[in-house]
Amino acid sequence: MSFLEIILVTFYSALFSFIILRLKFFQRFHLSGKVIVALFIFKVIAGIFYGYIHLKFYGGGDTYAYFDDSLYVFSTLKTNPWLYVRLVFGLSNAHPAPDIVPYKDAMMYYTNPDAYLLVRFHSLLRIISFGFYNVHVVFYNFITLVGCLYLFRFLSEILPAKKELLLGAVFLFPSIAFWSSGIHKDGISMADLGLILFFSNKIFITPGKKSFRRFSIYVVCWIAGLILLLFIRTFLFLLLIPVLTAWLITMKYPAHKLMKCIIVLCIYFGLASNLNVVWPDWDFLNRIVFMQNEFKIVADESFQVPIPSIIPTIGSVLSGVPMALENCLIRPWIGETENVLQVISSIENIMILLLLLAAIIFRKKKLSDAEQSLLLFSLFFAFSIFIVVGITVPILGALVRYKIAGILFLLISAVVLTRPFSFRKSVSESL
């Protein structure tokens, strides 16, 4: 980083830290202001490291491609401000107005609406960032921090005795911190999941009277969160709907939770897998095959893991489940790694399996109804993500990134299972 970039990163980090400490909004997350500031700074450092790794080893990757595309948009601000406004806020499609066509052709992501959202983000920030990527990292992580804090609050209200473990799972686990802090769609989707779950709980589960204004805010935020997830990570949205529905049902009607979850998932995927006649683009089986073919096209010479060849039938997809779970939970094996990043990924896979084993060994003897519902939600959501990602994504780097939401909820499952204990108490006793 240049000296000016360091100064700007430091200034904006300090400014947002001051806002966190002074704004009452950040007092609602069951964490002290100093802890939230520390989490924010940690995310900024992780985001800068993310950009450095992609620039050094992958020529910048998608994260810098979004940033580079935004330069074409920003270049219009001085010469044609109205064109800048249209490029930032207007619809992006394959057949834009004639004066936009040259910019569409120059950019990589103009016709890809979900990716172009990040181009819009960079284009706006260039006004105050002097064109420094890492300044954008600071703003990005301040924005996504809020969603992660809502996720933490949602979880801590169900598991109040396990806040330290939840902090580790949501904010500090290496791969989650890395992939959710870099400027990409993953950090947005992770933060968005936090908003959706928190407001689902407030709207449908939490008892007590709410003013019409407060309830309306909850509903608007919840709907906006669902729309954003559908837009930014469609496959996560489609996988979230059945498990979220099952969670709401089991929270309201606790009896026979496992059976209710299985019934809801069977009905949902049974219907979603038989839409070919009426709505083929949204047929679940067609979408899996489409995703797999899209990734195979762009795989090129990337380090790949074997994925099952499937056709749009339930039997074909089910036959690929064992290999999909192997890809997401075990690959890459330590013996097949080719670089440091793959070694780290392999070690982390082992770490996750050991943490799950420890959670089972040191499990809580009896879970409350809310804990059981959260456990079922987390497990079904995690493994549905692993199955879809493990079947469709042959590129190891992309697989590690796409499965990260599954890793998060698998860790949350482990936290639910584990009996509560205090790190501070354990340390004081050992001393």
Protein backbone atom coordinates (compact mmCIF):
# COMPACT_ATOMS: atom_id res chain seq x y z
CA MET A 1 0.00 0.00 0.00
CA SER A 2 1.11 3.54 -0.69
CA PHE A 3 1.55 6.00 2.17
CA LEU A 4 -1.65 7.86 1.23
CA GLU A 5 -3.62 4.61 1.13
CA ILE A 6 -2.36 3.67 4.60
CA ILE A 7 -3.39 7.10 5.89
CA LEU A 8 -6.88 6.79 4.38
CA VAL A 9 -7.39 3.22 5.62
CA THR A 10 -6.33 4.31 9.10
CA PHE A 11 -8.53 7.42 9.03
CA TYR A 12 -11.71 5.66 7.88
CA SER A 13 -11.11 2.72 10.24
CA ALA A 14 -10.75 5.19 13.12
CA LEU A 15 -13.85 7.10 11.99
CA PHE A 16 -16.02 3.97 11.87
CA SER A 17 -14.59 2.80 15.20
CA PHE A 18 -15.63 6.13 16.72
CA ILE A 19 -19.12 5.72 15.23
CA ILE A 20 -19.39 2.23 16.72
CA LEU A 21 -18.40 3.51 20.15
CA ARG A 22 -20.71 6.54 20.08
CA LEU A 23 -23.80 5.38 18.20
CA LYS A 24 -26.55 3.85 20.36
CA PHE A 25 -27.45 1.53 17.50
CA PHE A 26 -24.42 -0.65 18.30
CA GLN A 27 -25.50 -1.12 21.91
CA ARG A 28 -28.22 -3.57 20.91
CA PHE A 29 -25.98 -6.54 20.06
CA HIS A 30 -25.11 -7.84 23.55
CA LEU A 31 -21.47 -6.88 23.04
CA SER A 32 -19.42 -3.97 24.35
CA GLY A 33 -18.42 -1.22 21.94
CA LYS A 34 -14.76 -2.12 22.35
CA VAL A 35 -15.41 -5.73 21.35
CA ILE A 36 -17.35 -4.63 18.28
CA VAL A 37 -14.53 -2.28 17.30
CA ALA A 38 -12.04 -5.14 17.69
CA LEU A 39 -14.21 -7.36 15.48
CA PHE A 40 -14.48 -4.60 12.88
CA ILE A 41 -10.70 -4.04 12.79
CA PHE A 42 -10.17 -7.80 12.56
CA LYS A 43 -12.53 -7.96 9.56
CA VAL A 44 -10.72 -5.06 7.88
CA ILE A 45 -7.36 -6.79 8.31
CA ALA A 46 -8.83 -10.04 6.97
CA GLY A 47 -10.32 -8.16 4.00
CA ILE A 48 -6.99 -6.52 3.17
CA PHE A 49 -5.28 -9.92 3.40
CA TYR A 50 -7.98 -11.36 1.13
CA GLY A 51 -7.25 -8.72 -1.52
CA TYR A 52 -3.49 -9.25 -1.19
CA ILE A 53 -3.78 -13.02 -1.65
CA HIS A 54 -5.98 -12.63 -4.72
CA LEU A 55 -3.70 -10.02 -6.23
CA LYS A 56 -0.53 -12.03 -5.60
CA PHE A 57 -1.71 -15.52 -6.55
CA TYR A 58 -4.75 -15.04 -8.81
CA GLY A 59 -4.06 -11.83 -10.71
CA GLY A 60 -6.66 -10.03 -8.64
CA GLY A 61 -9.52 -12.47 -9.20
CA ASP A 62 -13.14 -11.36 -9.18
CA THR A 63 -12.63 -9.00 -6.25
CA TYR A 64 -10.26 -6.78 -8.25
CA ALA A 65 -12.25 -7.27 -11.46
CA TYR A 66 -15.25 -5.58 -9.81
CA PHE A 67 -12.95 -2.77 -8.71
CA ASP A 68 -11.44 -2.39 -12.20
CA ASP A 69 -14.88 -2.30 -13.84
CA SER A 70 -15.88 0.55 -11.56
CA LEU A 71 -13.13 2.72 -13.04
CA TYR A 72 -15.01 2.81 -16.36
CA VAL A 73 -18.12 3.99 -14.53
CA PHE A 74 -16.26 6.55 -12.43
CA SER A 75 -14.51 7.99 -15.48
CA THR A 76 -17.86 9.38 -16.66
CA LEU A 77 -18.44 11.47 -13.53
CA LYS A 78 -16.46 14.50 -14.76
CA THR A 79 -17.44 14.35 -18.43
CA ASN A 80 -21.05 13.21 -18.16
CA PRO A 81 -22.49 13.11 -14.62
CA TRP A 82 -25.91 11.95 -15.84
CA LEU A 83 -24.31 8.96 -17.54
CA TYR A 84 -22.50 8.18 -14.27
CA VAL A 85 -25.83 8.22 -12.41
CA ARG A 86 -27.39 5.89 -14.98
CA LEU A 87 -24.46 3.47 -14.84
CA VAL A 88 -24.54 3.39 -11.05
CA PHE A 89 -28.28 3.32 -10.41
CA GLY A 90 -29.84 2.23 -13.71
CA LEU A 91 -30.75 -1.27 -14.83
CA SER A 92 -27.99 -3.31 -16.41
CA ASN A 93 -28.95 -5.57 -19.28
CA ALA A 94 -27.59 -6.98 -22.51
CA HIS A 95 -29.16 -4.26 -24.69
CA PRO A 96 -28.55 -0.87 -23.04
CA ALA A 97 -28.89 2.60 -24.59
CA PRO A 98 -26.36 3.40 -27.35
CA ASP A 99 -24.27 5.71 -25.16
CA ILE A 100 -23.86 2.92 -22.57
CA VAL A 101 -22.85 0.22 -25.06
CA PRO A 102 -19.11 1.16 -25.10
CA TYR A 103 -18.99 0.89 -21.30
CA LYS A 104 -20.91 -2.37 -21.33
CA ASP A 105 -18.41 -3.80 -23.81
CA ALA A 106 -15.45 -2.57 -21.77
CA MET A 107 -16.70 -4.01 -18.48
CA MET A 108 -16.74 -7.66 -17.50
CA TYR A 109 -19.82 -7.66 -15.28
CA TYR A 110 -22.28 -5.12 -16.69
CA THR A 111 -24.71 -7.79 -17.89
CA ASN A 112 -24.34 -9.82 -14.67
CA PRO A 113 -26.70 -7.99 -12.27
CA ASP A 114 -25.56 -9.64 -9.03
CA ALA A 115 -21.87 -9.06 -9.74
CA TYR A 116 -22.58 -5.56 -11.07
CA LEU A 117 -23.95 -4.67 -7.63
CA LEU A 118 -20.34 -4.69 -6.40
CA VAL A 119 -19.27 -2.58 -9.38
CA ARG A 120 -21.90 -0.02 -8.33
CA PHE A 121 -20.54 -0.14 -4.77
CA HIS A 122 -16.98 0.56 -5.95
CA SER A 123 -18.15 3.28 -8.36
CA LEU A 124 -19.79 5.21 -5.54
CA LEU A 125 -16.89 4.84 -3.13
CA ARG A 126 -14.32 6.06 -5.65
CA ILE A 127 -15.69 9.54 -4.98
CA ILE A 128 -14.11 9.56 -1.51
CA SER A 129 -11.51 6.76 -1.70
CA PHE A 130 -9.04 8.31 -4.18
CA GLY A 131 -9.27 4.99 -6.05
CA PHE A 132 -7.64 2.86 -3.33
CA TYR A 133 -8.99 -0.69 -3.11
CA ASN A 134 -8.23 -1.14 0.60
CA VAL A 135 -10.22 1.97 1.50
CA HIS A 136 -13.19 0.20 -0.06
CA VAL A 137 -12.40 -2.82 2.14
CA VAL A 138 -12.96 -0.64 5.22
CA PHE A 139 -16.39 0.55 4.04
CA TYR A 140 -17.42 -2.92 2.88
CA ASN A 141 -16.63 -4.46 6.26
CA PHE A 142 -18.39 -1.74 8.20
CA ILE A 143 -21.54 -2.41 6.17
CA THR A 144 -21.40 -6.21 6.38
CA LEU A 145 -20.45 -6.04 10.07
CA VAL A 146 -24.00 -4.98 10.87
CA GLY A 147 -25.52 -8.11 9.32
CA CYS A 148 -23.00 -10.33 11.14
CA LEU A 149 -23.87 -8.61 14.41
CA TYR A 150 -27.55 -9.29 13.81
CA LEU A 151 -26.70 -12.95 13.21
CA PHE A 152 -24.76 -13.01 16.46
CA ARG A 153 -27.66 -11.38 18.32
CA PHE A 154 -30.14 -13.85 16.85
CA LEU A 155 -27.98 -16.78 17.97
CA SER A 156 -27.07 -15.36 21.38
CA GLU A 157 -30.74 -14.82 22.26
CA ILE A 158 -31.26 -18.57 21.79
CA LEU A 159 -27.88 -19.55 23.29
CA PRO A 160 -27.16 -16.82 25.88
CA ALA A 161 -24.62 -18.96 27.77
CA LYS A 162 -22.48 -19.57 24.67
CA LYS A 163 -21.65 -16.07 23.46
CA GLU A 164 -17.90 -16.70 23.38
CA LEU A 165 -18.31 -19.80 21.22
CA LEU A 166 -20.70 -17.93 18.94
CA LEU A 167 -18.18 -15.11 18.55
CA GLY A 168 -15.61 -17.66 17.45
CA ALA A 169 -17.97 -19.26 14.93
CA VAL A 170 -19.45 -16.09 13.40
CA PHE A 171 -16.43 -13.78 13.41
CA LEU A 172 -13.14 -15.51 14.18
CA PHE A 173 -13.04 -18.91 12.48
CA PRO A 174 -10.28 -18.55 9.83
CA SER A 175 -12.09 -19.42 6.59
CA ILE A 176 -15.29 -17.62 7.62
CA ALA A 177 -13.35 -14.48 8.56
CA PHE A 178 -11.34 -14.65 5.32
CA TRP A 179 -14.14 -15.25 2.83
CA SER A 180 -16.72 -13.00 4.50
CA SER A 181 -14.32 -10.04 4.83
CA GLY A 182 -13.09 -9.85 1.24
CA ILE A 183 -15.05 -7.74 -1.21
CA HIS A 184 -17.19 -10.36 -2.87
CA LYS A 185 -20.76 -11.62 -2.79
CA ASP A 186 -20.04 -14.04 0.06
CA GLY A 187 -19.69 -11.36 2.73
CA ILE A 188 -22.95 -9.78 1.59
CA SER A 189 -24.83 -13.09 1.62
CA MET A 190 -23.48 -13.99 5.08
CA ALA A 191 -24.53 -10.62 6.50
CA ASP A 192 -27.88 -10.91 4.73
CA LEU A 193 -28.55 -14.29 6.34
CA GLY A 194 -28.08 -12.61 9.70
CA LEU A 195 -30.70 -9.98 8.86
CA ILE A 196 -33.19 -12.55 7.56
CA LEU A 197 -32.89 -14.81 10.61
CA PHE A 198 -33.03 -11.97 13.12
CA PHE A 199 -36.12 -10.37 11.59
CA SER A 200 -37.79 -13.76 11.04
CA ASN A 201 -37.46 -14.31 14.78
CA LYS A 202 -38.77 -10.85 15.64
CA ILE A 203 -41.76 -11.07 13.27
CA PHE A 204 -42.91 -14.65 13.75
CA ILE A 205 -41.53 -15.97 17.03
CA THR A 206 -40.71 -13.32 19.65
CA PRO A 207 -43.77 -12.70 21.83
CA GLY A 208 -44.91 -9.31 23.01
CA LYS A 209 -46.69 -6.34 21.55
CA LYS A 210 -44.95 -4.31 18.89
CA SER A 211 -45.94 -0.90 17.61
CA PHE A 212 -47.17 -0.77 14.04
CA ARG A 213 -44.13 1.33 13.10
CA ARG A 214 -41.64 -1.14 14.60
CA PHE A 215 -43.43 -4.15 13.12
CA SER A 216 -43.51 -2.46 9.70
CA ILE A 217 -39.76 -1.83 9.89
CA TYR A 218 -39.18 -5.47 10.75
CA VAL A 219 -41.29 -6.65 7.80
CA VAL A 220 -39.65 -4.27 5.32
CA CYS A 221 -36.16 -5.29 6.45
CA TRP A 222 -37.09 -8.98 6.31
CA ILE A 223 -38.51 -8.74 2.78
CA ALA A 224 -35.55 -6.65 1.63
CA GLY A 225 -33.19 -9.27 3.05
CA LEU A 226 -34.96 -12.08 1.21
CA ILE A 227 -34.93 -10.14 -2.08
CA LEU A 228 -31.22 -9.34 -1.68
CA LEU A 229 -30.36 -13.00 -1.03
CA LEU A 230 -32.42 -14.09 -4.04
CA PHE A 231 -30.54 -11.54 -6.12
CA ILE A 232 -27.01 -12.06 -4.81
CA ARG A 233 -26.95 -15.84 -4.11
CA THR A 234 -29.99 -17.51 -5.65
CA PHE A 235 -29.03 -21.04 -4.62
CA LEU A 236 -28.73 -19.98 -0.95
CA PHE A 237 -32.17 -18.38 -1.11
CA LEU A 238 -33.69 -21.55 -2.56
CA LEU A 239 -32.05 -23.70 0.10
CA LEU A 240 -32.97 -21.32 2.93
CA ILE A 241 -36.72 -21.25 2.25
CA PRO A 242 -37.55 -24.84 3.35
CA VAL A 243 -35.27 -24.90 6.41
CA LEU A 244 -36.47 -21.46 7.53
CA THR A 245 -40.08 -22.62 7.13
CA ALA A 246 -39.34 -25.77 9.12
CA TRP A 247 -37.61 -23.73 11.83
CA LEU A 248 -40.59 -21.39 12.18
CA ILE A 249 -43.00 -24.34 12.41
CA THR A 250 -40.93 -26.18 15.02
CA MET A 251 -40.48 -23.03 17.08
CA LYS A 252 -44.25 -22.47 17.11
CA TYR A 253 -45.20 -26.14 17.45
CA PRO A 254 -42.30 -27.97 19.13
CA ALA A 255 -43.63 -31.54 19.08
CA HIS A 256 -42.04 -34.03 16.64
CA LYS A 257 -39.50 -31.53 15.32
CA LEU A 258 -37.41 -33.91 13.24
CA MET A 259 -40.46 -35.39 11.51
CA LYS A 260 -41.82 -31.92 10.71
CA CYS A 261 -38.47 -30.83 9.26
CA ILE A 262 -38.26 -33.91 7.06
CA ILE A 263 -41.86 -33.48 5.86
CA VAL A 264 -41.33 -29.80 5.00
CA LEU A 265 -38.09 -30.54 3.11
CA CYS A 266 -39.62 -33.49 1.23
CA ILE A 267 -42.64 -31.44 0.17
CA TYR A 268 -40.49 -28.46 -0.86
CA PHE A 269 -37.90 -30.38 -2.87
CA GLY A 270 -40.58 -32.70 -4.26
CA LEU A 271 -42.42 -29.69 -5.68
CA ALA A 272 -39.25 -27.84 -6.68
CA SER A 273 -38.01 -30.89 -8.59
CA ASN A 274 -41.19 -31.16 -10.67
CA LEU A 275 -41.45 -27.68 -12.13
CA ASN A 276 -39.98 -28.59 -15.49
CA VAL A 277 -43.29 -28.47 -17.34
CA VAL A 278 -44.63 -25.21 -15.88
CA TRP A 279 -41.45 -23.32 -14.90
CA PRO A 280 -38.33 -25.06 -16.22
CA ASP A 281 -35.90 -22.27 -15.32
CA TRP A 282 -36.75 -22.67 -11.64
CA ASP A 283 -36.93 -26.44 -11.57
CA PHE A 284 -34.49 -27.50 -8.82
CA LEU A 285 -32.95 -30.35 -10.81
CA ASN A 286 -32.54 -28.20 -13.91
CA ARG A 287 -30.80 -25.50 -11.86
CA ILE A 288 -28.32 -27.98 -10.38
CA VAL A 289 -27.43 -29.30 -13.82
CA PHE A 290 -27.16 -25.74 -15.14
CA MET A 291 -24.86 -24.70 -12.27
CA GLN A 292 -22.64 -27.72 -12.83
CA ASN A 293 -22.34 -27.03 -16.55
CA GLU A 294 -21.55 -23.34 -15.92
CA PHE A 295 -18.70 -24.23 -13.58
CA LYS A 296 -17.33 -26.86 -15.95
CA ILE A 297 -17.13 -24.22 -18.69
CA VAL A 298 -15.01 -21.84 -16.58
CA ALA A 299 -12.93 -24.53 -14.84
CA ASP A 300 -10.12 -24.40 -17.45
CA GLU A 301 -6.87 -25.50 -15.83
CA SER A 302 -7.87 -24.66 -12.25
CA PHE A 303 -7.19 -27.19 -9.52
CA GLN A 304 -10.27 -29.39 -9.68
CA VAL A 305 -11.97 -31.99 -7.55
CA PRO A 306 -14.05 -34.75 -9.15
CA ILE A 307 -17.79 -34.14 -9.19
CA PRO A 308 -20.52 -36.58 -10.17
CA SER A 309 -21.96 -36.28 -13.67
CA ILE A 310 -25.67 -35.79 -13.19
CA ILE A 311 -28.82 -35.50 -15.24
CA PRO A 312 -31.99 -33.71 -14.06
CA THR A 313 -33.48 -36.65 -12.14
CA ILE A 314 -33.84 -37.17 -8.40
CA GLY A 315 -32.01 -40.52 -8.58
CA SER A 316 -29.03 -38.98 -10.36
CA VAL A 317 -28.71 -36.17 -7.81
CA LEU A 318 -29.08 -38.54 -4.84
CA SER A 319 -26.37 -40.81 -6.24
CA GLY A 320 -23.98 -37.86 -6.21
CA VAL A 321 -24.58 -36.96 -2.54
CA PRO A 322 -21.71 -39.07 -1.07
CA MET A 323 -19.13 -37.51 -3.42
CA ALA A 324 -20.58 -34.05 -2.78
CA LEU A 325 -20.20 -34.42 0.98
CA GLU A 326 -16.68 -35.77 0.53
CA ASN A 327 -15.74 -32.74 -1.59
CA CYS A 328 -17.08 -30.24 0.95
CA LEU A 329 -15.99 -31.90 4.19
CA ILE A 330 -12.69 -33.61 3.27
CA ARG A 331 -11.23 -32.27 0.01
CA PRO A 332 -8.51 -31.36 -0.53
CA TRP A 333 -6.82 -34.25 1.26
CA ILE A 334 -3.55 -33.34 2.86
CA GLY A 335 -1.69 -35.66 0.44
CA GLU A 336 -3.03 -33.99 -2.71
CA THR A 337 -2.36 -30.36 -1.84
CA GLU A 338 -0.21 -28.36 -4.28
CA ASN A 339 0.31 -25.02 -2.52
CA VAL A 340 0.16 -23.34 0.87
CA LEU A 341 -3.47 -22.23 0.50
CA GLN A 342 -4.58 -25.79 -0.21
CA VAL A 343 -2.60 -27.05 2.79
CA ILE A 344 -4.38 -24.50 4.98
CA SER A 345 -7.75 -25.57 3.57
CA SER A 346 -6.92 -29.22 4.23
CA ILE A 347 -5.86 -28.52 7.81
CA GLU A 348 -9.04 -26.54 8.41
CA ASN A 349 -11.16 -29.46 7.18
CA ILE A 350 -9.48 -31.64 9.79
CA MET A 351 -10.04 -28.93 12.40
CA ILE A 352 -13.77 -28.76 11.61
CA LEU A 353 -14.18 -32.53 11.91
CA LEU A 354 -12.31 -32.51 15.23
CA LEU A 355 -14.51 -29.68 16.52
CA LEU A 356 -17.63 -31.64 15.58
CA LEU A 357 -16.24 -34.70 17.36
CA ALA A 358 -15.46 -32.59 20.44
CA ALA A 359 -18.99 -31.13 20.37
CA ILE A 360 -20.45 -34.64 20.37
CA ILE A 361 -18.16 -35.81 23.19
CA PHE A 362 -18.82 -32.73 25.33
CA ARG A 363 -22.44 -32.37 24.31
CA LYS A 364 -25.10 -30.86 26.50
CA LYS A 365 -27.25 -33.59 28.05
CA LYS A 366 -30.61 -31.98 27.30
CA LEU A 367 -31.36 -29.30 24.73
CA SER A 368 -34.29 -26.93 25.06
CA ASP A 369 -36.96 -26.81 22.37
CA ALA A 370 -35.41 -23.65 20.88
CA GLU A 371 -31.96 -25.26 20.85
CA GLN A 372 -33.30 -28.39 19.16
CA SER A 373 -35.01 -26.29 16.47
CA LEU A 374 -31.83 -24.29 15.87
CA LEU A 375 -29.78 -27.49 15.70
CA LEU A 376 -32.08 -29.02 13.09
CA PHE A 377 -32.16 -25.77 11.11
CA SER A 378 -28.35 -25.47 11.13
CA LEU A 379 -27.70 -29.10 10.21
CA PHE A 380 -30.24 -29.28 7.40
CA PHE A 381 -29.15 -25.93 5.98
CA ALA A 382 -25.44 -26.81 6.19
CA PHE A 383 -25.79 -30.21 4.54
CA SER A 384 -28.13 -28.96 1.82
CA ILE A 385 -25.46 -26.36 0.95
CA PHE A 386 -22.75 -29.03 0.97
CA ILE A 387 -24.77 -31.29 -1.32
CA VAL A 388 -25.53 -28.60 -3.91
CA VAL A 389 -22.04 -27.09 -3.85
CA GLY A 390 -20.29 -30.47 -3.77
CA ILE A 391 -22.25 -31.65 -6.81
CA THR A 392 -21.94 -28.50 -8.91
CA VAL A 393 -18.54 -26.90 -8.17
CA PRO A 394 -15.43 -28.69 -9.49
CA ILE A 395 -13.01 -25.78 -8.92
CA LEU A 396 -11.39 -26.14 -5.49
CA GLY A 397 -11.00 -22.39 -4.90
CA ALA A 398 -14.65 -21.73 -5.75
CA LEU A 399 -15.81 -24.76 -3.76
CA VAL A 400 -14.07 -23.48 -0.61
CA ARG A 401 -15.77 -20.10 -1.07
CA TYR A 402 -19.25 -21.34 -1.97
CA LYS A 403 -19.45 -23.79 0.93
CA ILE A 404 -18.56 -21.19 3.57
CA ALA A 405 -22.17 -20.59 4.68
CA GLY A 406 -22.46 -24.34 5.20
CA ILE A 407 -19.30 -24.32 7.33
CA LEU A 408 -20.71 -21.48 9.44
CA PHE A 409 -23.95 -23.32 10.20
CA LEU A 410 -22.12 -26.59 10.80
CA LEU A 411 -20.06 -24.76 13.44
CA ILE A 412 -23.26 -23.29 14.87
CA SER A 413 -24.58 -26.86 15.14
CA ALA A 414 -21.48 -27.75 17.14
CA VAL A 415 -22.02 -24.73 19.41
CA VAL A 416 -25.63 -25.79 20.04
CA LEU A 417 -24.54 -29.32 20.96
CA THR A 418 -21.68 -28.30 23.24
CA ARG A 419 -22.41 -27.77 26.91
CA PRO A 420 -21.79 -24.15 27.95
CA PHE A 421 -18.56 -23.11 29.59
CA SER A 422 -16.69 -19.85 30.10
CA PHE A 423 -13.24 -19.28 28.67
CA ARG A 424 -12.51 -16.71 31.35
CA LYS A 425 -13.52 -19.10 34.13
CA SER A 426 -11.46 -21.92 32.60
CA VAL A 427 -8.37 -19.72 32.36
CA SER A 428 -8.73 -18.42 35.92
CA GLU A 429 -9.13 -21.96 37.24
CA SER A 430 -6.04 -23.16 35.36
CA LEU A 431 -4.01 -20.28 36.88
